[in-house]
Amino acid sequence: TDRKSELELLETPTNNKEAKTVLGKLSYVGRHIKEFSQTTASLHPTATENYELTERRISDWAKLQGAIKIFLVMRHPPPNSILYFESIPTDDFIHGHIY
């Protein structure tokens, strides 16, 4: 499966190992998800606890799953809108931004 499908299909973690695995898979997209660190704060397991799905964890996991789906949706600009392309050439490639 591709990365997008893998993230969408992540199941709610039920133990410390699963929680660490899930949070690791999400870490690379975290900077693109609003309030990622606040939402995932309750999901991180501690070394001494047995991982339990508290109401807070269930709520935060649901928020995170919703944010993943929104993040992974490609939004096209409205028809007839003007787009600006800024190119930043370097020695090896051209980097670009579209606004």
PDB file of N, CA and C in Angstrom:
ATOM      1  N   THR A   1       0.837  -1.189   0.000  1.00  0.00           N
ATOM      2  CA  THR A   1       0.000   0.000   0.000  1.00  0.00           C
ATOM      3  C   THR A   1       0.875   1.244   0.000  1.00  0.00           C
ATOM      4  N   ASP A   2       0.299   2.349  -0.447  1.00  0.00           N
ATOM      5  CA  ASP A   2       1.063   3.588  -0.426  1.00  0.00           C
ATOM      6  C   ASP A   2       0.984   4.230   0.963  1.00  0.00           C
ATOM      7  N   ARG A   3       1.786   5.243   1.172  1.00  0.00           N
ATOM      8  CA  ARG A   3       1.884   5.887   2.490  1.00  0.00           C
ATOM      9  C   ARG A   3       0.543   6.488   2.917  1.00  0.00           C
ATOM     10  N   LYS A   4      -0.165   7.106   1.971  1.00  0.00           N
ATOM     11  CA  LYS A   4      -1.459   7.721   2.274  1.00  0.00           C
ATOM     12  C   LYS A   4      -2.437   6.678   2.816  1.00  0.00           C
ATOM     13  N   SER A   5      -2.558   5.573   2.119  1.00  0.00           N
ATOM     14  CA  SER A   5      -3.473   4.512   2.555  1.00  0.00           C
ATOM     15  C   SER A   5      -3.056   3.948   3.906  1.00  0.00           C
ATOM     16  N   GLU A   6      -1.763   3.800   4.094  1.00  0.00           N
ATOM     17  CA  GLU A   6      -1.261   3.260   5.360  1.00  0.00           C
ATOM     18  C   GLU A   6      -1.663   4.153   6.534  1.00  0.00           C
ATOM     19  N   LEU A   7      -1.544   5.468   6.363  1.00  0.00           N
ATOM     20  CA  LEU A   7      -1.905   6.383   7.440  1.00  0.00           C
ATOM     21  C   LEU A   7      -3.407   6.390   7.695  1.00  0.00           C
ATOM     22  N   GLU A   8      -4.183   6.329   6.622  1.00  0.00           N
ATOM     23  CA  GLU A   8      -5.639   6.330   6.785  1.00  0.00           C
ATOM     24  C   GLU A   8      -6.139   5.059   7.474  1.00  0.00           C
ATOM     25  N   LEU A   9      -5.418   3.962   7.309  1.00  0.00           N
ATOM     26  CA  LEU A   9      -5.861   2.676   7.844  1.00  0.00           C
ATOM     27  C   LEU A   9      -5.290   2.337   9.222  1.00  0.00           C
ATOM     28  N   LEU A  10      -4.528   3.251   9.806  1.00  0.00           N
ATOM     29  CA  LEU A  10      -3.959   2.981  11.126  1.00  0.00           C
ATOM     30  C   LEU A  10      -5.073   2.736  12.136  1.00  0.00           C
ATOM     31  N   GLU A  11      -4.896   1.702  12.934  1.00  0.00           N
ATOM     32  CA  GLU A  11      -5.891   1.368  13.948  1.00  0.00           C
ATOM     33  C   GLU A  11      -5.514   1.994  15.284  1.00  0.00           C
ATOM     34  N   THR A  12      -6.494   2.179  16.112  1.00  0.00           N
ATOM     35  CA  THR A  12      -6.272   2.747  17.435  1.00  0.00           C
ATOM     36  C   THR A  12      -5.308   1.859  18.217  1.00  0.00           C
ATOM     37  N   PRO A  13      -4.222   2.440  18.742  1.00  0.00           N
ATOM     38  CA  PRO A  13      -3.265   1.626  19.499  1.00  0.00           C
ATOM     39  C   PRO A  13      -3.872   1.133  20.808  1.00  0.00           C
ATOM     40  N   THR A  14      -3.527  -0.093  21.165  1.00  0.00           N
ATOM     41  CA  THR A  14      -4.079  -0.681  22.393  1.00  0.00           C
ATOM     42  C   THR A  14      -3.006  -1.053  23.414  1.00  0.00           C
ATOM     43  N   ASN A  15      -1.729  -0.870  23.048  1.00  0.00           N
ATOM     44  CA  ASN A  15      -0.658  -1.143  24.009  1.00  0.00           C
ATOM     45  C   ASN A  15       0.517  -0.208  23.713  1.00  0.00           C
ATOM     46  N   ASN A  16       1.521  -0.220  24.588  1.00  0.00           N
ATOM     47  CA  ASN A  16       2.659   0.694  24.446  1.00  0.00           C
ATOM     48  C   ASN A  16       3.363   0.548  23.104  1.00  0.00           C
ATOM     49  N   LYS A  17       3.612  -0.676  22.683  1.00  0.00           N
ATOM     50  CA  LYS A  17       4.332  -0.913  21.434  1.00  0.00           C
ATOM     51  C   LYS A  17       3.552  -0.363  20.239  1.00  0.00           C
ATOM     52  N   GLU A  18       2.245  -0.634  20.184  1.00  0.00           N
ATOM     53  CA  GLU A  18       1.423  -0.127  19.082  1.00  0.00           C
ATOM     54  C   GLU A  18       1.383   1.400  19.090  1.00  0.00           C
ATOM     55  N   ALA A  19       1.282   1.993  20.276  1.00  0.00           N
ATOM     56  CA  ALA A  19       1.240   3.454  20.376  1.00  0.00           C
ATOM     57  C   ALA A  19       2.523   4.066  19.827  1.00  0.00           C
ATOM     58  N   LYS A  20       3.661   3.513  20.200  1.00  0.00           N
ATOM     59  CA  LYS A  20       4.937   4.019  19.697  1.00  0.00           C
ATOM     60  C   LYS A  20       5.034   3.858  18.182  1.00  0.00           C
ATOM     61  N   THR A  21       4.573   2.731  17.667  1.00  0.00           N
ATOM     62  CA  THR A  21       4.615   2.475  16.226  1.00  0.00           C
ATOM     63  C   THR A  21       3.742   3.471  15.474  1.00  0.00           C
ATOM     64  N   VAL A  22       2.516   3.658  15.941  1.00  0.00           N
ATOM     65  CA  VAL A  22       1.583   4.578  15.281  1.00  0.00           C
ATOM     66  C   VAL A  22       2.118   6.004  15.317  1.00  0.00           C
ATOM     67  N   LEU A  23       2.576   6.456  16.468  1.00  0.00           N
ATOM     68  CA  LEU A  23       3.090   7.819  16.586  1.00  0.00           C
ATOM     69  C   LEU A  23       4.342   8.014  15.742  1.00  0.00           C
ATOM     70  N   GLY A  24       5.154   6.982  15.617  1.00  0.00           N
ATOM     71  CA  GLY A  24       6.325   7.062  14.747  1.00  0.00           C
ATOM     72  C   GLY A  24       5.938   7.227  13.290  1.00  0.00           C
ATOM     73  N   LYS A  25       4.918   6.494  12.856  1.00  0.00           N
ATOM     74  CA  LYS A  25       4.462   6.600  11.466  1.00  0.00           C
ATOM     75  C   LYS A  25       3.874   7.977  11.173  1.00  0.00           C
ATOM     76  N   LEU A  26       3.275   8.591  12.173  1.00  0.00           N
ATOM     77  CA  LEU A  26       2.648   9.898  11.975  1.00  0.00           C
ATOM     78  C   LEU A  26       3.616  11.064  12.144  1.00  0.00           C
ATOM     79  N   SER A  27       4.767  10.810  12.724  1.00  0.00           N
ATOM     80  CA  SER A  27       5.670  11.914  13.052  1.00  0.00           C
ATOM     81  C   SER A  27       6.114  12.716  11.832  1.00  0.00           C
ATOM     82  N   TYR A  28       6.247  12.065  10.680  1.00  0.00           N
ATOM     83  CA  TYR A  28       6.738  12.805   9.519  1.00  0.00           C
ATOM     84  C   TYR A  28       5.688  13.742   8.919  1.00  0.00           C
ATOM     85  N   VAL A  29       4.401  13.552   9.224  1.00  0.00           N
ATOM     86  CA  VAL A  29       3.377  14.475   8.736  1.00  0.00           C
ATOM     87  C   VAL A  29       2.914  15.426   9.833  1.00  0.00           C
ATOM     88  N   GLY A  30       3.407  15.241  11.029  1.00  0.00           N
ATOM     89  CA  GLY A  30       2.954  16.034  12.163  1.00  0.00           C
ATOM     90  C   GLY A  30       3.081  17.526  11.974  1.00  0.00           C
ATOM     91  N   ARG A  31       4.110  17.986  11.320  1.00  0.00           N
ATOM     92  CA  ARG A  31       4.285  19.433  11.153  1.00  0.00           C
ATOM     93  C   ARG A  31       3.221  20.044  10.251  1.00  0.00           C
ATOM     94  N   HIS A  32       2.516  19.207   9.503  1.00  0.00           N
ATOM     95  CA  HIS A  32       1.464  19.697   8.619  1.00  0.00           C
ATOM     96  C   HIS A  32       0.071  19.588   9.236  1.00  0.00           C
ATOM     97  N   ILE A  33      -0.026  19.054  10.435  1.00  0.00           N
ATOM     98  CA  ILE A  33      -1.313  18.865  11.097  1.00  0.00           C
ATOM     99  C   ILE A  33      -1.428  19.864  12.239  1.00  0.00           C
ATOM    100  N   LYS A  34      -2.491  20.654  12.207  1.00  0.00           N
ATOM    101  CA  LYS A  34      -2.706  21.683  13.218  1.00  0.00           C
ATOM    102  C   LYS A  34      -2.801  21.040  14.605  1.00  0.00           C
ATOM    103  N   GLU A  35      -2.080  21.622  15.552  1.00  0.00           N
ATOM    104  CA  GLU A  35      -2.069  21.181  16.952  1.00  0.00           C
ATOM    105  C   GLU A  35      -1.689  19.704  17.108  1.00  0.00           C
ATOM    106  N   PHE A  36      -0.766  19.247  16.279  1.00  0.00           N
ATOM    107  CA  PHE A  36      -0.347  17.842  16.314  1.00  0.00           C
ATOM    108  C   PHE A  36       0.222  17.451  17.672  1.00  0.00           C
ATOM    109  N   SER A  37       1.142  18.260  18.189  1.00  0.00           N
ATOM    110  CA  SER A  37       1.791  17.878  19.451  1.00  0.00           C
ATOM    111  C   SER A  37       0.809  17.893  20.620  1.00  0.00           C
ATOM    112  N   GLN A  38      -0.142  18.850  20.621  1.00  0.00           N
ATOM    113  CA  GLN A  38      -1.136  18.886  21.691  1.00  0.00           C
ATOM    114  C   GLN A  38      -2.070  17.678  21.598  1.00  0.00           C
ATOM    115  N   THR A  39      -2.443  17.309  20.369  1.00  0.00           N
ATOM    116  CA  THR A  39      -3.362  16.191  20.179  1.00  0.00           C
ATOM    117  C   THR A  39      -2.703  14.867  20.540  1.00  0.00           C
ATOM    118  N   THR A  40      -1.437  14.719  20.210  1.00  0.00           N
ATOM    119  CA  THR A  40      -0.763  13.442  20.461  1.00  0.00           C
ATOM    120  C   THR A  40      -0.172  13.331  21.865  1.00  0.00           C
ATOM    121  N   ALA A  41      -0.185  14.412  22.625  1.00  0.00           N
ATOM    122  CA  ALA A  41       0.428  14.387  23.963  1.00  0.00           C
ATOM    123  C   ALA A  41      -0.146  13.275  24.834  1.00  0.00           C
ATOM    124  N   SER A  42      -1.451  13.092  24.798  1.00  0.00           N
ATOM    125  CA  SER A  42      -2.059  12.061  25.647  1.00  0.00           C
ATOM    126  C   SER A  42      -1.852  10.656  25.085  1.00  0.00           C
ATOM    127  N   LEU A  43      -1.481  10.562  23.825  1.00  0.00           N
ATOM    128  CA  LEU A  43      -1.341   9.251  23.186  1.00  0.00           C
ATOM    129  C   LEU A  43       0.010   8.593  23.459  1.00  0.00           C
ATOM    130  N   HIS A  44       0.992   9.400  23.892  1.00  0.00           N
ATOM    131  CA  HIS A  44       2.325   8.854  24.167  1.00  0.00           C
ATOM    132  C   HIS A  44       2.289   7.985  25.423  1.00  0.00           C
ATOM    133  N   PRO A  45       2.793   6.774  25.328  1.00  0.00           N
ATOM    134  CA  PRO A  45       2.828   5.908  26.511  1.00  0.00           C
ATOM    135  C   PRO A  45       3.989   6.284  27.427  1.00  0.00           C
ATOM    136  N   THR A  46       3.826   5.998  28.700  1.00  0.00           N
ATOM    137  CA  THR A  46       4.951   6.159  29.619  1.00  0.00           C
ATOM    138  C   THR A  46       5.572   4.783  29.831  1.00  0.00           C
ATOM    139  N   ALA A  47       6.798   4.778  30.289  1.00  0.00           N
ATOM    140  CA  ALA A  47       7.522   3.510  30.444  1.00  0.00           C
ATOM    141  C   ALA A  47       6.926   2.631  31.542  1.00  0.00           C
ATOM    142  N   THR A  48       6.249   3.245  32.495  1.00  0.00           N
ATOM    143  CA  THR A  48       5.787   2.485  33.656  1.00  0.00           C
ATOM    144  C   THR A  48       4.312   2.091  33.622  1.00  0.00           C
ATOM    145  N   GLU A  49       3.558   2.603  32.677  1.00  0.00           N
ATOM    146  CA  GLU A  49       2.119   2.320  32.673  1.00  0.00           C
ATOM    147  C   GLU A  49       1.742   1.226  31.681  1.00  0.00           C
ATOM    148  N   ASN A  50       0.649   0.566  31.970  1.00  0.00           N
ATOM    149  CA  ASN A  50       0.008  -0.277  30.968  1.00  0.00           C
ATOM    150  C   ASN A  50      -0.864   0.653  30.140  1.00  0.00           C
ATOM    151  N   TYR A  51      -0.743   0.577  28.837  1.00  0.00           N
ATOM    152  CA  TYR A  51      -1.468   1.494  27.953  1.00  0.00           C
ATOM    153  C   TYR A  51      -2.965   1.203  28.009  1.00  0.00           C
ATOM    154  N   GLU A  52      -3.732   2.191  28.426  1.00  0.00           N
ATOM    155  CA  GLU A  52      -5.181   2.049  28.496  1.00  0.00           C
ATOM    156  C   GLU A  52      -5.830   3.108  27.625  1.00  0.00           C
ATOM    157  N   LEU A  53      -6.924   2.751  26.989  1.00  0.00           N
ATOM    158  CA  LEU A  53      -7.662   3.705  26.173  1.00  0.00           C
ATOM    159  C   LEU A  53      -8.628   4.484  27.062  1.00  0.00           C
ATOM    160  N   THR A  54      -8.153   5.613  27.558  1.00  0.00           N
ATOM    161  CA  THR A  54      -8.993   6.491  28.366  1.00  0.00           C
ATOM    162  C   THR A  54      -9.895   7.297  27.439  1.00  0.00           C
ATOM    163  N   GLU A  55     -10.862   7.988  28.009  1.00  0.00           N
ATOM    164  CA  GLU A  55     -11.734   8.839  27.194  1.00  0.00           C
ATOM    165  C   GLU A  55     -10.922   9.892  26.458  1.00  0.00           C
ATOM    166  N   ARG A  56      -9.932  10.454  27.129  1.00  0.00           N
ATOM    167  CA  ARG A  56      -9.092  11.477  26.501  1.00  0.00           C
ATOM    168  C   ARG A  56      -8.331  10.890  25.317  1.00  0.00           C
ATOM    169  N   ARG A  57      -7.755   9.717  25.483  1.00  0.00           N
ATOM    170  CA  ARG A  57      -7.013   9.095  24.386  1.00  0.00           C
ATOM    171  C   ARG A  57      -7.939   8.773  23.213  1.00  0.00           C
ATOM    172  N   ILE A  58      -9.117   8.280  23.501  1.00  0.00           N
ATOM    173  CA  ILE A  58     -10.073   7.971  22.432  1.00  0.00           C
ATOM    174  C   ILE A  58     -10.450   9.245  21.687  1.00  0.00           C
ATOM    175  N   SER A  59     -10.704  10.322  22.428  1.00  0.00           N
ATOM    176  CA  SER A  59     -11.063  11.605  21.822  1.00  0.00           C
ATOM    177  C   SER A  59      -9.912  12.157  20.983  1.00  0.00           C
ATOM    178  N   ASP A  60      -8.700  12.142  21.537  1.00  0.00           N
ATOM    179  CA  ASP A  60      -7.536  12.657  20.805  1.00  0.00           C
ATOM    180  C   ASP A  60      -7.224  11.804  19.585  1.00  0.00           C
ATOM    181  N   TRP A  61      -7.405  10.497  19.693  1.00  0.00           N
ATOM    182  CA  TRP A  61      -7.169   9.625  18.542  1.00  0.00           C
ATOM    183  C   TRP A  61      -8.163   9.940  17.423  1.00  0.00           C
ATOM    184  N   ALA A  62      -9.428  10.183  17.787  1.00  0.00           N
ATOM    185  CA  ALA A  62     -10.448  10.533  16.786  1.00  0.00           C
ATOM    186  C   ALA A  62     -10.106  11.857  16.107  1.00  0.00           C
ATOM    187  N   LYS A  63      -9.641  12.848  16.886  1.00  0.00           N
ATOM    188  CA  LYS A  63      -9.217  14.133  16.307  1.00  0.00           C
ATOM    189  C   LYS A  63      -8.070  13.919  15.328  1.00  0.00           C
ATOM    190  N   LEU A  64      -7.124  13.098  15.728  1.00  0.00           N
ATOM    191  CA  LEU A  64      -5.959  12.843  14.890  1.00  0.00           C
ATOM    192  C   LEU A  64      -6.349  12.138  13.596  1.00  0.00           C
ATOM    193  N   GLN A  65      -7.228  11.163  13.670  1.00  0.00           N
ATOM    194  CA  GLN A  65      -7.680  10.473  12.459  1.00  0.00           C
ATOM    195  C   GLN A  65      -8.388  11.437  11.513  1.00  0.00           C
ATOM    196  N   GLY A  66      -9.195  12.338  12.058  1.00  0.00           N
ATOM    197  CA  GLY A  66      -9.855  13.347  11.226  1.00  0.00           C
ATOM    198  C   GLY A  66      -8.856  14.284  10.583  1.00  0.00           C
ATOM    199  N   ALA A  67      -7.848  14.703  11.349  1.00  0.00           N
ATOM    200  CA  ALA A  67      -6.824  15.605  10.824  1.00  0.00           C
ATOM    201  C   ALA A  67      -6.003  14.938   9.727  1.00  0.00           C
ATOM    202  N   ILE A  68      -5.754  13.648   9.855  1.00  0.00           N
ATOM    203  CA  ILE A  68      -5.002  12.915   8.830  1.00  0.00           C
ATOM    204  C   ILE A  68      -5.774  12.924   7.519  1.00  0.00           C
ATOM    205  N   LYS A  69      -7.068  12.686   7.576  1.00  0.00           N
ATOM    206  CA  LYS A  69      -7.876  12.657   6.354  1.00  0.00           C
ATOM    207  C   LYS A  69      -7.921  14.020   5.685  1.00  0.00           C
ATOM    208  N   ILE A  70      -8.017  15.085   6.482  1.00  0.00           N
ATOM    209  CA  ILE A  70      -8.033  16.438   5.918  1.00  0.00           C
ATOM    210  C   ILE A  70      -6.674  16.763   5.314  1.00  0.00           C
ATOM    211  N   PHE A  71      -5.608  16.426   6.026  1.00  0.00           N
ATOM    212  CA  PHE A  71      -4.256  16.711   5.537  1.00  0.00           C
ATOM    213  C   PHE A  71      -3.985  16.018   4.211  1.00  0.00           C
ATOM    214  N   LEU A  72      -4.512  14.820   4.049  1.00  0.00           N
ATOM    215  CA  LEU A  72      -4.212  14.034   2.861  1.00  0.00           C
ATOM    216  C   LEU A  72      -5.103  14.351   1.666  1.00  0.00           C
ATOM    217  N   VAL A  73      -6.001  15.318   1.795  1.00  0.00           N
ATOM    218  CA  VAL A  73      -6.876  15.688   0.685  1.00  0.00           C
ATOM    219  C   VAL A  73      -6.200  16.778  -0.130  1.00  0.00           C
ATOM    220  N   MET A  74      -6.063  16.535  -1.419  1.00  0.00           N
ATOM    221  CA  MET A  74      -5.493  17.554  -2.295  1.00  0.00           C
ATOM    222  C   MET A  74      -6.601  18.520  -2.689  1.00  0.00           C
ATOM    223  N   ARG A  75      -6.348  19.783  -2.468  1.00  0.00           N
ATOM    224  CA  ARG A  75      -7.334  20.804  -2.801  1.00  0.00           C
ATOM    225  C   ARG A  75      -6.888  21.540  -4.056  1.00  0.00           C
ATOM    226  N   HIS A  76      -7.751  21.573  -5.025  1.00  0.00           N
ATOM    227  CA  HIS A  76      -7.449  22.287  -6.263  1.00  0.00           C
ATOM    228  C   HIS A  76      -7.890  23.737  -6.122  1.00  0.00           C
ATOM    229  N   PRO A  77      -7.180  24.645  -6.777  1.00  0.00           N
ATOM    230  CA  PRO A  77      -7.594  26.047  -6.707  1.00  0.00           C
ATOM    231  C   PRO A  77      -8.915  26.249  -7.441  1.00  0.00           C
ATOM    232  N   PRO A  78      -9.641  27.300  -7.085  1.00  0.00           N
ATOM    233  CA  PRO A  78     -10.901  27.573  -7.777  1.00  0.00           C
ATOM    234  C   PRO A  78     -10.654  27.817  -9.271  1.00  0.00           C
ATOM    235  N   PRO A  79     -11.642  27.491 -10.105  1.00  0.00           N
ATOM    236  CA  PRO A  79     -11.494  27.746 -11.544  1.00  0.00           C
ATOM    237  C   PRO A  79     -11.222  29.225 -11.798  1.00  0.00           C
ATOM    238  N   ASN A  80     -10.443  29.486 -12.808  1.00  0.00           N
ATOM    239  CA  ASN A  80     -10.105  30.848 -13.247  1.00  0.00           C
ATOM    240  C   ASN A  80      -9.299  31.640 -12.222  1.00  0.00           C
ATOM    241  N   SER A  81      -8.696  30.978 -11.252  1.00  0.00           N
ATOM    242  CA  SER A  81      -7.860  31.700 -10.299  1.00  0.00           C
ATOM    243  C   SER A  81      -6.458  31.844 -10.878  1.00  0.00           C
ATOM    244  N   ILE A  82      -5.781  32.877 -10.465  1.00  0.00           N
ATOM    245  CA  ILE A  82      -4.422  33.137 -10.940  1.00  0.00           C
ATOM    246  C   ILE A  82      -3.445  32.459  -9.986  1.00  0.00           C
ATOM    247  N   LEU A  83      -2.528  31.686 -10.540  1.00  0.00           N
ATOM    248  CA  LEU A  83      -1.497  31.028  -9.750  1.00  0.00           C
ATOM    249  C   LEU A  83      -0.148  31.650 -10.078  1.00  0.00           C
ATOM    250  N   TYR A  84       0.669  31.820  -9.069  1.00  0.00           N
ATOM    251  CA  TYR A  84       2.006  32.366  -9.251  1.00  0.00           C
ATOM    252  C   TYR A  84       3.014  31.278  -8.929  1.00  0.00           C
ATOM    253  N   PHE A  85       4.010  31.133  -9.792  1.00  0.00           N
ATOM    254  CA  PHE A  85       5.065  30.152  -9.579  1.00  0.00           C
ATOM    255  C   PHE A  85       6.358  30.890  -9.310  1.00  0.00           C
ATOM    256  N   GLU A  86       6.983  30.574  -8.213  1.00  0.00           N
ATOM    257  CA  GLU A  86       8.269  31.159  -7.858  1.00  0.00           C
ATOM    258  C   GLU A  86       9.316  30.061  -7.976  1.00  0.00           C
ATOM    259  N   SER A  87      10.304  30.278  -8.807  1.00  0.00           N
ATOM    260  CA  SER A  87      11.361  29.272  -8.958  1.00  0.00           C
ATOM    261  C   SER A  87      12.604  29.720  -8.205  1.00  0.00           C
ATOM    262  N   ILE A  88      13.256  28.754  -7.616  1.00  0.00           N
ATOM    263  CA  ILE A  88      14.481  29.016  -6.868  1.00  0.00           C
ATOM    264  C   ILE A  88      15.543  28.062  -7.409  1.00  0.00           C
ATOM    265  N   PRO A  89      16.281  28.500  -8.425  1.00  0.00           N
ATOM    266  CA  PRO A  89      17.287  27.603  -9.012  1.00  0.00           C
ATOM    267  C   PRO A  89      18.497  27.438  -8.091  1.00  0.00           C
ATOM    268  N   THR A  90      19.026  26.237  -8.065  1.00  0.00           N
ATOM    269  CA  THR A  90      20.273  25.951  -7.363  1.00  0.00           C
ATOM    270  C   THR A  90      21.205  25.268  -8.360  1.00  0.00           C
ATOM    271  N   ASP A  91      22.357  24.862  -7.913  1.00  0.00           N
ATOM    272  CA  ASP A  91      23.302  24.202  -8.815  1.00  0.00           C
ATOM    273  C   ASP A  91      22.780  22.865  -9.324  1.00  0.00           C
ATOM    274  N   ASP A  92      21.974  22.183  -8.517  1.00  0.00           N
ATOM    275  CA  ASP A  92      21.561  20.828  -8.863  1.00  0.00           C
ATOM    276  C   ASP A  92      20.120  20.690  -9.343  1.00  0.00           C
ATOM    277  N   PHE A  93      19.252  21.623  -8.985  1.00  0.00           N
ATOM    278  CA  PHE A  93      17.839  21.474  -9.349  1.00  0.00           C
ATOM    279  C   PHE A  93      17.128  22.815  -9.261  1.00  0.00           C
ATOM    280  N   ILE A  94      15.859  22.825  -9.628  1.00  0.00           N
ATOM    281  CA  ILE A  94      15.027  24.016  -9.474  1.00  0.00           C
ATOM    282  C   ILE A  94      13.940  23.688  -8.459  1.00  0.00           C
ATOM    283  N   HIS A  95      13.902  24.470  -7.418  1.00  0.00           N
ATOM    284  CA  HIS A  95      12.877  24.327  -6.383  1.00  0.00           C
ATOM    285  C   HIS A  95      11.787  25.340  -6.695  1.00  0.00           C
ATOM    286  N   GLY A  96      10.540  24.985  -6.502  1.00  0.00           N
ATOM    287  CA  GLY A  96       9.476  25.921  -6.831  1.00  0.00           C
ATOM    288  C   GLY A  96       8.350  25.929  -5.824  1.00  0.00           C
ATOM    289  N   HIS A  97       7.689  27.069  -5.761  1.00  0.00           N
ATOM    290  CA  HIS A  97       6.496  27.243  -4.932  1.00  0.00           C
ATOM    291  C   HIS A  97       5.392  27.778  -5.825  1.00  0.00           C
ATOM    292  N   ILE A  98       4.189  27.277  -5.628  1.00  0.00           N
ATOM    293  CA  ILE A  98       3.031  27.809  -6.340  1.00  0.00           C
ATOM    294  C   ILE A  98       2.128  28.461  -5.312  1.00  0.00           C
ATOM    295  N   TYR A  99       1.751  29.704  -5.595  1.00  0.00           N
ATOM    296  CA  TYR A  99       0.862  30.454  -4.690  1.00  0.00           C
ATOM    297  C   TYR A  99      -0.443  30.720  -5.395  1.00  0.00           C
TER     298      TYR A  99
END
